[in-house]
Amino acid sequence: MAITVNGEPHPWHEGLTVERLLVEKIFTFPMKIIFVNKKLVKKDSYSTTVIADGDLVEVVHLTGGG
């Protein structure tokens, strides 16, 4: 059982949330956008959005510049 995170396989387990995945993958960059199966997940939903086996997750880190 696995999910795909930014094009790479990642082990899946029952009850995996977006919030827990970010901890497991050590995605600590403060500005990021998360998509699960191409649907935007709002920051206030990270702890309640459950990722299913086989889901496609994209974590986009935002950077500023000028």
C-alpha atoms as a PDB file:
ATOM      1  CA  MET A   1       0.000   0.000   0.000  1.00  0.00           C
ATOM      2  CA  ALA A   2       1.389   3.363  -1.019  1.00  0.00           C
ATOM      3  CA  ILE A   3       0.620   6.888  -2.115  1.00  0.00           C
ATOM      4  CA  THR A   4       2.552   9.123  -4.483  1.00  0.00           C
ATOM      5  CA  VAL A   5       4.059  12.325  -3.069  1.00  0.00           C
ATOM      6  CA  ASN A   6       5.616  14.724  -5.585  1.00  0.00           C
ATOM      7  CA  GLY A   7       6.083  11.858  -8.031  1.00  0.00           C
ATOM      8  CA  GLU A   8       7.706   9.469  -5.525  1.00  0.00           C
ATOM      9  CA  PRO A   9       6.133   6.496  -3.715  1.00  0.00           C
ATOM     10  CA  HIS A  10       5.526   6.871   0.017  1.00  0.00           C
ATOM     11  CA  PRO A  11       4.166   4.226   2.408  1.00  0.00           C
ATOM     12  CA  TRP A  12       0.498   4.599   3.262  1.00  0.00           C
ATOM     13  CA  HIS A  13      -1.121   3.660   6.572  1.00  0.00           C
ATOM     14  CA  GLU A  14      -4.661   3.804   7.921  1.00  0.00           C
ATOM     15  CA  GLY A  15      -5.645   7.255   9.182  1.00  0.00           C
ATOM     16  CA  LEU A  16      -2.871   9.122   7.355  1.00  0.00           C
ATOM     17  CA  THR A  17      -3.736  12.829   7.242  1.00  0.00           C
ATOM     18  CA  VAL A  18      -2.126  15.648   5.316  1.00  0.00           C
ATOM     19  CA  GLU A  19      -0.768  17.015   8.600  1.00  0.00           C
ATOM     20  CA  ARG A  20       0.862  13.669   9.512  1.00  0.00           C
ATOM     21  CA  LEU A  21       2.294  13.263   6.006  1.00  0.00           C
ATOM     22  CA  LEU A  22       3.977  16.671   6.243  1.00  0.00           C
ATOM     23  CA  VAL A  23       5.632  15.543   9.487  1.00  0.00           C
ATOM     24  CA  GLU A  24       6.694  12.187   8.020  1.00  0.00           C
ATOM     25  CA  LYS A  25       8.207  13.833   4.936  1.00  0.00           C
ATOM     26  CA  ILE A  26       9.729  16.663   7.021  1.00  0.00           C
ATOM     27  CA  PHE A  27       8.067  19.332   4.875  1.00  0.00           C
ATOM     28  CA  THR A  28       8.595  22.248   7.254  1.00  0.00           C
ATOM     29  CA  PHE A  29       8.839  25.083   4.743  1.00  0.00           C
ATOM     30  CA  PRO A  30       6.345  27.691   6.021  1.00  0.00           C
ATOM     31  CA  MET A  31       4.726  28.555   2.692  1.00  0.00           C
ATOM     32  CA  LYS A  32       3.301  25.584   0.841  1.00  0.00           C
ATOM     33  CA  ILE A  33       0.232  24.496  -1.082  1.00  0.00           C
ATOM     34  CA  ILE A  34      -1.062  20.926  -0.840  1.00  0.00           C
ATOM     35  CA  PHE A  35      -3.097  19.105  -3.484  1.00  0.00           C
ATOM     36  CA  VAL A  36      -4.614  15.664  -3.017  1.00  0.00           C
ATOM     37  CA  ASN A  37      -5.753  14.161  -6.309  1.00  0.00           C
ATOM     38  CA  LYS A  38      -5.460  17.629  -7.868  1.00  0.00           C
ATOM     39  CA  LYS A  39      -7.824  19.178  -5.303  1.00  0.00           C
ATOM     40  CA  LEU A  40      -6.512  22.006  -3.115  1.00  0.00           C
ATOM     41  CA  VAL A  41      -6.448  21.264   0.616  1.00  0.00           C
ATOM     42  CA  LYS A  42      -6.849  24.365   2.760  1.00  0.00           C
ATOM     43  CA  LYS A  43      -4.403  24.784   5.639  1.00  0.00           C
ATOM     44  CA  ASP A  44      -7.123  24.588   8.281  1.00  0.00           C
ATOM     45  CA  SER A  45      -8.091  21.151   6.891  1.00  0.00           C
ATOM     46  CA  TYR A  46      -4.635  19.515   7.052  1.00  0.00           C
ATOM     47  CA  SER A  47      -5.430  17.675  10.296  1.00  0.00           C
ATOM     48  CA  THR A  48      -8.816  16.390   9.089  1.00  0.00           C
ATOM     49  CA  THR A  49      -8.043  15.540   5.463  1.00  0.00           C
ATOM     50  CA  VAL A  50      -7.429  11.795   5.324  1.00  0.00           C
ATOM     51  CA  ILE A  51      -5.274  10.452   2.499  1.00  0.00           C
ATOM     52  CA  ALA A  52      -6.435   7.168   0.979  1.00  0.00           C
ATOM     53  CA  ASP A  53      -4.293   4.338  -0.358  1.00  0.00           C
ATOM     54  CA  GLY A  54      -3.280   5.168  -3.921  1.00  0.00           C
ATOM     55  CA  ASP A  55      -3.854   8.932  -3.649  1.00  0.00           C
ATOM     56  CA  LEU A  56      -1.668  11.415  -5.504  1.00  0.00           C
ATOM     57  CA  VAL A  57      -0.303  14.191  -3.261  1.00  0.00           C
ATOM     58  CA  GLU A  58       1.547  17.255  -4.495  1.00  0.00           C
ATOM     59  CA  VAL A  59       3.314  19.590  -2.071  1.00  0.00           C
ATOM     60  CA  VAL A  60       4.296  22.872  -3.710  1.00  0.00           C
ATOM     61  CA  HIS A  61       6.745  25.058  -1.789  1.00  0.00           C
ATOM     62  CA  LEU A  62       6.234  28.758  -2.422  1.00  0.00           C
ATOM     63  CA  THR A  63       9.190  31.083  -2.575  1.00  0.00           C
ATOM     64  CA  GLY A  64       9.322  34.827  -2.902  1.00  0.00           C
ATOM     65  CA  GLY A  65      11.744  36.916  -4.801  1.00  0.00           C
ATOM     66  CA  GLY A  66      12.106  39.952  -6.836  1.00  0.00           C
END
